[in-house]
Amino acid sequence: MWVALSPATHRNGCMQFMPRTHLGEVIEHTDTWESGNILTRGQTINVRIDPEKAVSVQLEPGEASFHHVKMWHGSDANQSDDRRISIAIRYIPTRTRQT
């Protein structure tokens, strides 16, 4: 679950999803270690995204989006002067073990 604590808009890089990609295989992530990537290791997937099919989810503070762990998702860079603040919550079964 991704909860917006500030507005998430097209201009500040709201989350985008590729419909139905959760039905396919898990796509291996590549660690890029890019300094401009806010993810811890600069994770990315090497796939071709059709921007015409991507679904952008704009949210107001307090609104949330849910997606399957296998759903291709990401966001563009923040092109605004405002911060995009959020909190991510993951629901994981107790039987899960780190490997």
PDB file of N, CA and C in Angstrom:
ATOM      1  N   MET A   1       0.853  -1.161   0.000  1.00  0.00           N
ATOM      2  CA  MET A   1       0.000   0.000   0.000  1.00  0.00           C
ATOM      3  C   MET A   1       0.903   1.229   0.000  1.00  0.00           C
ATOM      4  N   TRP A   2       0.583   2.188  -0.856  1.00  0.00           N
ATOM      5  CA  TRP A   2       1.335   3.439  -0.961  1.00  0.00           C
ATOM      6  C   TRP A   2       0.385   4.561  -0.573  1.00  0.00           C
ATOM      7  N   VAL A   3       0.676   5.259   0.522  1.00  0.00           N
ATOM      8  CA  VAL A   3      -0.201   6.312   1.046  1.00  0.00           C
ATOM      9  C   VAL A   3       0.436   7.669   0.777  1.00  0.00           C
ATOM     10  N   ALA A   4      -0.314   8.536   0.105  1.00  0.00           N
ATOM     11  CA  ALA A   4       0.171   9.889  -0.176  1.00  0.00           C
ATOM     12  C   ALA A   4       0.026  10.753   1.071  1.00  0.00           C
ATOM     13  N   LEU A   5       1.101  11.407   1.466  1.00  0.00           N
ATOM     14  CA  LEU A   5       1.063  12.374   2.566  1.00  0.00           C
ATOM     15  C   LEU A   5       1.080  13.800   2.026  1.00  0.00           C
ATOM     16  N   SER A   6       1.358  13.932   0.747  1.00  0.00           N
ATOM     17  CA  SER A   6       1.254  15.198   0.022  1.00  0.00           C
ATOM     18  C   SER A   6       0.663  14.843  -1.346  1.00  0.00           C
ATOM     19  N   PRO A   7       0.189  15.821  -2.108  1.00  0.00           N
ATOM     20  CA  PRO A   7      -0.385  15.489  -3.414  1.00  0.00           C
ATOM     21  C   PRO A   7       0.623  14.760  -4.310  1.00  0.00           C
ATOM     22  N   ALA A   8       0.149  13.744  -5.013  1.00  0.00           N
ATOM     23  CA  ALA A   8       0.949  13.035  -6.016  1.00  0.00           C
ATOM     24  C   ALA A   8       0.316  13.367  -7.363  1.00  0.00           C
ATOM     25  N   THR A   9       1.028  14.136  -8.173  1.00  0.00           N
ATOM     26  CA  THR A   9       0.493  14.643  -9.435  1.00  0.00           C
ATOM     27  C   THR A   9       1.387  14.228 -10.600  1.00  0.00           C
ATOM     28  N   HIS A  10       0.904  14.472 -11.809  1.00  0.00           N
ATOM     29  CA  HIS A  10       1.745  14.205 -12.982  1.00  0.00           C
ATOM     30  C   HIS A  10       3.040  15.010 -12.895  1.00  0.00           C
ATOM     31  N   ARG A  11       2.933  16.247 -12.459  1.00  0.00           N
ATOM     32  CA  ARG A  11       4.102  17.147 -12.431  1.00  0.00           C
ATOM     33  C   ARG A  11       5.154  16.697 -11.412  1.00  0.00           C
ATOM     34  N   ASN A  12       4.707  16.144 -10.271  1.00  0.00           N
ATOM     35  CA  ASN A  12       5.712  15.741  -9.276  1.00  0.00           C
ATOM     36  C   ASN A  12       5.977  14.235  -9.285  1.00  0.00           C
ATOM     37  N   GLY A  13       5.549  13.562 -10.347  1.00  0.00           N
ATOM     38  CA  GLY A  13       5.936  12.161 -10.537  1.00  0.00           C
ATOM     39  C   GLY A  13       5.051  11.143  -9.852  1.00  0.00           C
ATOM     40  N   CYS A  14       3.737  11.231 -10.063  1.00  0.00           N
ATOM     41  CA  CYS A  14       2.836  10.238  -9.464  1.00  0.00           C
ATOM     42  C   CYS A  14       3.165   8.839  -9.994  1.00  0.00           C
ATOM     43  N   MET A  15       2.729   7.831  -9.268  1.00  0.00           N
ATOM     44  CA  MET A  15       2.995   6.440  -9.626  1.00  0.00           C
ATOM     45  C   MET A  15       2.279   6.085 -10.933  1.00  0.00           C
ATOM     46  N   GLN A  16       2.946   5.288 -11.745  1.00  0.00           N
ATOM     47  CA  GLN A  16       2.384   4.791 -12.997  1.00  0.00           C
ATOM     48  C   GLN A  16       2.454   3.266 -12.987  1.00  0.00           C
ATOM     49  N   PHE A  17       1.433   2.648 -13.551  1.00  0.00           N
ATOM     50  CA  PHE A  17       1.331   1.192 -13.575  1.00  0.00           C
ATOM     51  C   PHE A  17       1.097   0.705 -14.996  1.00  0.00           C
ATOM     52  N   MET A  18       1.603  -0.487 -15.288  1.00  0.00           N
ATOM     53  CA  MET A  18       1.318  -1.149 -16.557  1.00  0.00           C
ATOM     54  C   MET A  18       0.294  -2.246 -16.283  1.00  0.00           C
ATOM     55  N   PRO A  19      -0.947  -2.048 -16.765  1.00  0.00           N
ATOM     56  CA  PRO A  19      -2.019  -3.002 -16.493  1.00  0.00           C
ATOM     57  C   PRO A  19      -1.666  -4.428 -16.911  1.00  0.00           C
ATOM     58  N   ARG A  20      -2.116  -5.359 -16.106  1.00  0.00           N
ATOM     59  CA  ARG A  20      -2.054  -6.804 -16.353  1.00  0.00           C
ATOM     60  C   ARG A  20      -0.645  -7.403 -16.301  1.00  0.00           C
ATOM     61  N   THR A  21       0.369  -6.601 -16.012  1.00  0.00           N
ATOM     62  CA  THR A  21       1.724  -7.155 -15.957  1.00  0.00           C
ATOM     63  C   THR A  21       1.907  -8.082 -14.762  1.00  0.00           C
ATOM     64  N   HIS A  22       1.021  -7.987 -13.771  1.00  0.00           N
ATOM     65  CA  HIS A  22       1.109  -8.880 -12.612  1.00  0.00           C
ATOM     66  C   HIS A  22       0.772 -10.319 -12.985  1.00  0.00           C
ATOM     67  N   LEU A  23       0.201 -10.522 -14.174  1.00  0.00           N
ATOM     68  CA  LEU A  23      -0.172 -11.866 -14.615  1.00  0.00           C
ATOM     69  C   LEU A  23       1.007 -12.621 -15.225  1.00  0.00           C
ATOM     70  N   GLY A  24       2.094 -11.919 -15.491  1.00  0.00           N
ATOM     71  CA  GLY A  24       3.264 -12.541 -16.111  1.00  0.00           C
ATOM     72  C   GLY A  24       4.279 -13.010 -15.085  1.00  0.00           C
ATOM     73  N   GLU A  25       5.449 -13.312 -15.589  1.00  0.00           N
ATOM     74  CA  GLU A  25       6.547 -13.772 -14.742  1.00  0.00           C
ATOM     75  C   GLU A  25       7.159 -12.599 -13.981  1.00  0.00           C
ATOM     76  N   VAL A  26       7.865 -12.911 -12.903  1.00  0.00           N
ATOM     77  CA  VAL A  26       8.605 -11.893 -12.166  1.00  0.00           C
ATOM     78  C   VAL A  26       9.749 -11.410 -13.057  1.00  0.00           C
ATOM     79  N   ILE A  27       9.893 -10.100 -13.170  1.00  0.00           N
ATOM     80  CA  ILE A  27      10.972  -9.517 -13.964  1.00  0.00           C
ATOM     81  C   ILE A  27      12.138  -9.197 -13.027  1.00  0.00           C
ATOM     82  N   GLU A  28      13.310  -9.687 -13.378  1.00  0.00           N
ATOM     83  CA  GLU A  28      14.499  -9.460 -12.554  1.00  0.00           C
ATOM     84  C   GLU A  28      14.853  -7.977 -12.528  1.00  0.00           C
ATOM     85  N   HIS A  29      15.157  -7.475 -11.346  1.00  0.00           N
ATOM     86  CA  HIS A  29      15.576  -6.083 -11.193  1.00  0.00           C
ATOM     87  C   HIS A  29      17.091  -5.968 -11.373  1.00  0.00           C
ATOM     88  N   THR A  30      17.516  -4.840 -11.893  1.00  0.00           N
ATOM     89  CA  THR A  30      18.930  -4.513 -12.021  1.00  0.00           C
ATOM     90  C   THR A  30      19.244  -3.387 -11.052  1.00  0.00           C
ATOM     91  N   ASP A  31      20.304  -3.542 -10.290  1.00  0.00           N
ATOM     92  CA  ASP A  31      20.747  -2.484  -9.385  1.00  0.00           C
ATOM     93  C   ASP A  31      21.676  -1.553 -10.158  1.00  0.00           C
ATOM     94  N   THR A  32      21.252  -0.297 -10.344  1.00  0.00           N
ATOM     95  CA  THR A  32      22.047   0.656 -11.126  1.00  0.00           C
ATOM     96  C   THR A  32      22.916   1.538 -10.245  1.00  0.00           C
ATOM     97  N   TRP A  33      22.551   1.675  -8.987  1.00  0.00           N
ATOM     98  CA  TRP A  33      23.249   2.542  -8.043  1.00  0.00           C
ATOM     99  C   TRP A  33      23.317   3.987  -8.549  1.00  0.00           C
ATOM    100  N   GLU A  34      22.356   4.382  -9.407  1.00  0.00           N
ATOM    101  CA  GLU A  34      22.303   5.753  -9.929  1.00  0.00           C
ATOM    102  C   GLU A  34      22.064   6.748  -8.810  1.00  0.00           C
ATOM    103  N   SER A  35      22.816   7.815  -8.799  1.00  0.00           N
ATOM    104  CA  SER A  35      22.664   8.818  -7.736  1.00  0.00           C
ATOM    105  C   SER A  35      21.332   9.555  -7.841  1.00  0.00           C
ATOM    106  N   GLY A  36      20.752   9.659  -9.030  1.00  0.00           N
ATOM    107  CA  GLY A  36      19.484  10.356  -9.202  1.00  0.00           C
ATOM    108  C   GLY A  36      18.264   9.497  -8.932  1.00  0.00           C
ATOM    109  N   ASN A  37      18.460   8.224  -8.616  1.00  0.00           N
ATOM    110  CA  ASN A  37      17.353   7.302  -8.354  1.00  0.00           C
ATOM    111  C   ASN A  37      17.130   7.239  -6.850  1.00  0.00           C
ATOM    112  N   ILE A  38      15.889   7.482  -6.399  1.00  0.00           N
ATOM    113  CA  ILE A  38      15.637   7.517  -4.955  1.00  0.00           C
ATOM    114  C   ILE A  38      15.528   6.131  -4.326  1.00  0.00           C
ATOM    115  N   LEU A  39      15.473   5.085  -5.138  1.00  0.00           N
ATOM    116  CA  LEU A  39      15.443   3.736  -4.573  1.00  0.00           C
ATOM    117  C   LEU A  39      16.817   3.395  -4.011  1.00  0.00           C
ATOM    118  N   THR A  40      16.843   2.555  -2.997  1.00  0.00           N
ATOM    119  CA  THR A  40      18.083   2.296  -2.263  1.00  0.00           C
ATOM    120  C   THR A  40      19.240   1.840  -3.148  1.00  0.00           C
ATOM    121  N   ARG A  41      18.949   1.017  -4.133  1.00  0.00           N
ATOM    122  CA  ARG A  41      20.001   0.509  -5.021  1.00  0.00           C
ATOM    123  C   ARG A  41      19.792   0.977  -6.463  1.00  0.00           C
ATOM    124  N   GLY A  42      18.876   1.917  -6.671  1.00  0.00           N
ATOM    125  CA  GLY A  42      18.594   2.385  -8.030  1.00  0.00           C
ATOM    126  C   GLY A  42      17.973   1.301  -8.884  1.00  0.00           C
ATOM    127  N   GLN A  43      17.115   0.468  -8.275  1.00  0.00           N
ATOM    128  CA  GLN A  43      16.548  -0.680  -8.966  1.00  0.00           C
ATOM    129  C   GLN A  43      15.722  -0.258 -10.189  1.00  0.00           C
ATOM    130  N   THR A  44      15.851  -1.055 -11.240  1.00  0.00           N
ATOM    131  CA  THR A  44      15.076  -0.844 -12.455  1.00  0.00           C
ATOM    132  C   THR A  44      14.849  -2.206 -13.109  1.00  0.00           C
ATOM    133  N   ILE A  45      13.881  -2.267 -14.012  1.00  0.00           N
ATOM    134  CA  ILE A  45      13.676  -3.484 -14.799  1.00  0.00           C
ATOM    135  C   ILE A  45      13.919  -3.129 -16.257  1.00  0.00           C
ATOM    136  N   ASN A  46      14.499  -4.060 -16.990  1.00  0.00           N
ATOM    137  CA  ASN A  46      14.854  -3.823 -18.384  1.00  0.00           C
ATOM    138  C   ASN A  46      13.704  -4.276 -19.281  1.00  0.00           C
ATOM    139  N   VAL A  47      12.690  -3.420 -19.378  1.00  0.00           N
ATOM    140  CA  VAL A  47      11.530  -3.706 -20.221  1.00  0.00           C
ATOM    141  C   VAL A  47      11.184  -2.451 -21.014  1.00  0.00           C
ATOM    142  N   ARG A  48      10.476  -2.644 -22.100  1.00  0.00           N
ATOM    143  CA  ARG A  48      10.012  -1.525 -22.909  1.00  0.00           C
ATOM    144  C   ARG A  48       8.597  -1.172 -22.444  1.00  0.00           C
ATOM    145  N   ILE A  49       8.423   0.068 -21.986  1.00  0.00           N
ATOM    146  CA  ILE A  49       7.128   0.540 -21.491  1.00  0.00           C
ATOM    147  C   ILE A  49       6.434   1.331 -22.590  1.00  0.00           C
ATOM    148  N   ASP A  50       5.174   1.001 -22.858  1.00  0.00           N
ATOM    149  CA  ASP A  50       4.360   1.761 -23.805  1.00  0.00           C
ATOM    150  C   ASP A  50       3.640   2.855 -23.027  1.00  0.00           C
ATOM    151  N   PRO A  51       4.060   4.125 -23.166  1.00  0.00           N
ATOM    152  CA  PRO A  51       3.449   5.200 -22.377  1.00  0.00           C
ATOM    153  C   PRO A  51       1.959   5.367 -22.639  1.00  0.00           C
ATOM    154  N   GLU A  52       1.488   4.912 -23.798  1.00  0.00           N
ATOM    155  CA  GLU A  52       0.056   5.009 -24.107  1.00  0.00           C
ATOM    156  C   GLU A  52      -0.767   4.045 -23.257  1.00  0.00           C
ATOM    157  N   LYS A  53      -0.144   2.984 -22.775  1.00  0.00           N
ATOM    158  CA  LYS A  53      -0.857   1.981 -21.980  1.00  0.00           C
ATOM    159  C   LYS A  53      -0.661   2.164 -20.482  1.00  0.00           C
ATOM    160  N   ALA A  54       0.332   2.947 -20.087  1.00  0.00           N
ATOM    161  CA  ALA A  54       0.593   3.168 -18.658  1.00  0.00           C
ATOM    162  C   ALA A  54      -0.565   3.944 -18.027  1.00  0.00           C
ATOM    163  N   VAL A  55      -0.892   3.582 -16.794  1.00  0.00           N
ATOM    164  CA  VAL A  55      -1.966   4.243 -16.049  1.00  0.00           C
ATOM    165  C   VAL A  55      -1.342   5.046 -14.913  1.00  0.00           C
ATOM    166  N   SER A  56      -1.555   6.361 -14.934  1.00  0.00           N
ATOM    167  CA  SER A  56      -1.049   7.237 -13.872  1.00  0.00           C
ATOM    168  C   SER A  56      -2.088   7.339 -12.766  1.00  0.00           C
ATOM    169  N   VAL A  57      -1.622   7.301 -11.525  1.00  0.00           N
ATOM    170  CA  VAL A  57      -2.527   7.387 -10.373  1.00  0.00           C
ATOM    171  C   VAL A  57      -2.168   8.634  -9.567  1.00  0.00           C
ATOM    172  N   GLN A  58      -2.970   9.679  -9.750  1.00  0.00           N
ATOM    173  CA  GLN A  58      -2.786  10.905  -8.978  1.00  0.00           C
ATOM    174  C   GLN A  58      -3.556  10.756  -7.668  1.00  0.00           C
ATOM    175  N   LEU A  59      -2.939  11.165  -6.571  1.00  0.00           N
ATOM    176  CA  LEU A  59      -3.553  11.003  -5.254  1.00  0.00           C
ATOM    177  C   LEU A  59      -3.487  12.299  -4.466  1.00  0.00           C
ATOM    178  N   GLU A  60      -4.502  12.503  -3.637  1.00  0.00           N
ATOM    179  CA  GLU A  60      -4.514  13.593  -2.668  1.00  0.00           C
ATOM    180  C   GLU A  60      -3.980  13.048  -1.344  1.00  0.00           C
ATOM    181  N   PRO A  61      -3.504  13.917  -0.453  1.00  0.00           N
ATOM    182  CA  PRO A  61      -3.030  13.439   0.852  1.00  0.00           C
ATOM    183  C   PRO A  61      -4.093  12.588   1.552  1.00  0.00           C
ATOM    184  N   GLY A  62      -3.670  11.437   2.066  1.00  0.00           N
ATOM    185  CA  GLY A  62      -4.578  10.517   2.745  1.00  0.00           C
ATOM    186  C   GLY A  62      -5.130   9.436   1.839  1.00  0.00           C
ATOM    187  N   GLU A  63      -5.047   9.616   0.528  1.00  0.00           N
ATOM    188  CA  GLU A  63      -5.491   8.578  -0.397  1.00  0.00           C
ATOM    189  C   GLU A  63      -4.364   7.566  -0.580  1.00  0.00           C
ATOM    190  N   ALA A  64      -4.742   6.353  -0.996  1.00  0.00           N
ATOM    191  CA  ALA A  64      -3.757   5.282  -1.122  1.00  0.00           C
ATOM    192  C   ALA A  64      -3.975   4.496  -2.403  1.00  0.00           C
ATOM    193  N   SER A  65      -2.927   3.847  -2.858  1.00  0.00           N
ATOM    194  CA  SER A  65      -3.042   2.916  -3.977  1.00  0.00           C
ATOM    195  C   SER A  65      -2.459   1.576  -3.541  1.00  0.00           C
ATOM    196  N   PHE A  66      -3.035   0.530  -4.074  1.00  0.00           N
ATOM    197  CA  PHE A  66      -2.590  -0.835  -3.804  1.00  0.00           C
ATOM    198  C   PHE A  66      -2.211  -1.461  -5.138  1.00  0.00           C
ATOM    199  N   HIS A  67      -1.177  -2.269  -5.143  1.00  0.00           N
ATOM    200  CA  HIS A  67      -0.854  -3.001  -6.355  1.00  0.00           C
ATOM    201  C   HIS A  67      -0.165  -4.319  -5.999  1.00  0.00           C
ATOM    202  N   HIS A  68      -0.291  -5.263  -6.901  1.00  0.00           N
ATOM    203  CA  HIS A  68       0.349  -6.566  -6.750  1.00  0.00           C
ATOM    204  C   HIS A  68       1.858  -6.385  -6.854  1.00  0.00           C
ATOM    205  N   VAL A  69       2.605  -7.161  -6.108  1.00  0.00           N
ATOM    206  CA  VAL A  69       4.065  -7.041  -6.076  1.00  0.00           C
ATOM    207  C   VAL A  69       4.689  -7.241  -7.463  1.00  0.00           C
ATOM    208  N   LYS A  70       4.018  -8.014  -8.336  1.00  0.00           N
ATOM    209  CA  LYS A  70       4.561  -8.255  -9.671  1.00  0.00           C
ATOM    210  C   LYS A  70       4.145  -7.193 -10.693  1.00  0.00           C
ATOM    211  N   MET A  71       3.272  -6.266 -10.308  1.00  0.00           N
ATOM    212  CA  MET A  71       2.814  -5.221 -11.236  1.00  0.00           C
ATOM    213  C   MET A  71       3.972  -4.281 -11.566  1.00  0.00           C
ATOM    214  N   TRP A  72       4.232  -4.061 -12.861  1.00  0.00           N
ATOM    215  CA  TRP A  72       5.262  -3.109 -13.254  1.00  0.00           C
ATOM    216  C   TRP A  72       4.794  -1.728 -12.839  1.00  0.00           C
ATOM    217  N   HIS A  73       5.637  -1.016 -12.116  1.00  0.00           N
ATOM    218  CA  HIS A  73       5.260   0.315 -11.636  1.00  0.00           C
ATOM    219  C   HIS A  73       6.504   1.176 -11.461  1.00  0.00           C
ATOM    220  N   GLY A  74       6.277   2.457 -11.455  1.00  0.00           N
ATOM    221  CA  GLY A  74       7.369   3.402 -11.270  1.00  0.00           C
ATOM    222  C   GLY A  74       6.839   4.813 -11.371  1.00  0.00           C
ATOM    223  N   SER A  75       7.736   5.762 -11.320  1.00  0.00           N
ATOM    224  CA  SER A  75       7.319   7.160 -11.442  1.00  0.00           C
ATOM    225  C   SER A  75       8.399   7.951 -12.164  1.00  0.00           C
ATOM    226  N   ASP A  76       7.965   9.025 -12.790  1.00  0.00           N
ATOM    227  CA  ASP A  76       8.908   9.933 -13.433  1.00  0.00           C
ATOM    228  C   ASP A  76       9.531  10.837 -12.378  1.00  0.00           C
ATOM    229  N   ALA A  77      10.542  11.557 -12.757  1.00  0.00           N
ATOM    230  CA  ALA A  77      11.195  12.500 -11.845  1.00  0.00           C
ATOM    231  C   ALA A  77      10.233  13.617 -11.452  1.00  0.00           C
ATOM    232  N   ASN A  78      10.435  14.142 -10.268  1.00  0.00           N
ATOM    233  CA  ASN A  78       9.643  15.267  -9.775  1.00  0.00           C
ATOM    234  C   ASN A  78      10.092  16.530 -10.515  1.00  0.00           C
ATOM    235  N   GLN A  79       9.188  17.096 -11.319  1.00  0.00           N
ATOM    236  CA  GLN A  79       9.488  18.302 -12.093  1.00  0.00           C
ATOM    237  C   GLN A  79       8.959  19.565 -11.421  1.00  0.00           C
ATOM    238  N   SER A  80       8.473  19.437 -10.192  1.00  0.00           N
ATOM    239  CA  SER A  80       7.901  20.580  -9.476  1.00  0.00           C
ATOM    240  C   SER A  80       8.874  21.061  -8.397  1.00  0.00           C
ATOM    241  N   ASP A  81       8.500  22.142  -7.741  1.00  0.00           N
ATOM    242  CA  ASP A  81       9.286  22.648  -6.614  1.00  0.00           C
ATOM    243  C   ASP A  81       8.808  22.064  -5.292  1.00  0.00           C
ATOM    244  N   ASP A  82       7.760  21.230  -5.336  1.00  0.00           N
ATOM    245  CA  ASP A  82       7.190  20.635  -4.127  1.00  0.00           C
ATOM    246  C   ASP A  82       7.713  19.220  -3.928  1.00  0.00           C
ATOM    247  N   ARG A  83       7.781  18.810  -2.667  1.00  0.00           N
ATOM    248  CA  ARG A  83       8.161  17.433  -2.357  1.00  0.00           C
ATOM    249  C   ARG A  83       6.958  16.519  -2.562  1.00  0.00           C
ATOM    250  N   ARG A  84       7.218  15.282  -2.938  1.00  0.00           N
ATOM    251  CA  ARG A  84       6.179  14.250  -2.982  1.00  0.00           C
ATOM    252  C   ARG A  84       6.475  13.332  -1.800  1.00  0.00           C
ATOM    253  N   ILE A  85       5.622  13.390  -0.788  1.00  0.00           N
ATOM    254  CA  ILE A  85       5.864  12.650   0.451  1.00  0.00           C
ATOM    255  C   ILE A  85       4.859  11.509   0.538  1.00  0.00           C
ATOM    256  N   SER A  86       5.342  10.339   0.928  1.00  0.00           N
ATOM    257  CA  SER A  86       4.461   9.173   1.039  1.00  0.00           C
ATOM    258  C   SER A  86       5.012   8.213   2.081  1.00  0.00           C
ATOM    259  N   ILE A  87       4.219   7.206   2.340  1.00  0.00           N
ATOM    260  CA  ILE A  87       4.663   6.097   3.177  1.00  0.00           C
ATOM    261  C   ILE A  87       4.226   4.815   2.476  1.00  0.00           C
ATOM    262  N   ALA A  88       5.121   3.839   2.432  1.00  0.00           N
ATOM    263  CA  ALA A  88       4.809   2.549   1.818  1.00  0.00           C
ATOM    264  C   ALA A  88       4.656   1.511   2.921  1.00  0.00           C
ATOM    265  N   ILE A  89       3.592   0.739   2.831  1.00  0.00           N
ATOM    266  CA  ILE A  89       3.311  -0.314   3.812  1.00  0.00           C
ATOM    267  C   ILE A  89       3.213  -1.629   3.054  1.00  0.00           C
ATOM    268  N   ARG A  90       3.929  -2.629   3.518  1.00  0.00           N
ATOM    269  CA  ARG A  90       3.882  -3.943   2.873  1.00  0.00           C
ATOM    270  C   ARG A  90       3.273  -4.954   3.833  1.00  0.00           C
ATOM    271  N   TYR A  91       2.327  -5.712   3.330  1.00  0.00           N
ATOM    272  CA  TYR A  91       1.711  -6.778   4.107  1.00  0.00           C
ATOM    273  C   TYR A  91       2.376  -8.085   3.700  1.00  0.00           C
ATOM    274  N   ILE A  92       3.042  -8.721   4.657  1.00  0.00           N
ATOM    275  CA  ILE A  92       3.828  -9.915   4.376  1.00  0.00           C
ATOM    276  C   ILE A  92       3.413 -11.014   5.352  1.00  0.00           C
ATOM    277  N   PRO A  93       3.104 -12.223   4.862  1.00  0.00           N
ATOM    278  CA  PRO A  93       2.722 -13.311   5.757  1.00  0.00           C
ATOM    279  C   PRO A  93       3.836 -13.644   6.756  1.00  0.00           C
ATOM    280  N   THR A  94       3.467 -14.126   7.927  1.00  0.00           N
ATOM    281  CA  THR A  94       4.450 -14.471   8.960  1.00  0.00           C
ATOM    282  C   THR A  94       5.353 -15.627   8.530  1.00  0.00           C
ATOM    283  N   ARG A  95       4.918 -16.444   7.581  1.00  0.00           N
ATOM    284  CA  ARG A  95       5.735 -17.572   7.114  1.00  0.00           C
ATOM    285  C   ARG A  95       6.866 -17.119   6.180  1.00  0.00           C
ATOM    286  N   THR A  96       6.875 -15.855   5.782  1.00  0.00           N
ATOM    287  CA  THR A  96       7.887 -15.333   4.865  1.00  0.00           C
ATOM    288  C   THR A  96       9.252 -15.312   5.536  1.00  0.00           C
ATOM    289  N   ARG A  97      10.258 -15.766   4.811  1.00  0.00           N
ATOM    290  CA  ARG A  97      11.629 -15.761   5.302  1.00  0.00           C
ATOM    291  C   ARG A  97      12.506 -15.034   4.305  1.00  0.00           C
ATOM    292  N   GLN A  98      13.433 -14.224   4.805  1.00  0.00           N
ATOM    293  CA  GLN A  98      14.352 -13.509   3.932  1.00  0.00           C
ATOM    294  C   GLN A  98      15.378 -14.479   3.378  1.00  0.00           C
ATOM    295  N   THR A  99      15.662 -14.356   2.085  1.00  0.00           N
ATOM    296  CA  THR A  99      16.662 -15.236   1.460  1.00  0.00           C
ATOM    297  C   THR A  99      17.777 -14.426   0.869  1.00  0.00           C
TER     298      THR A  99
END
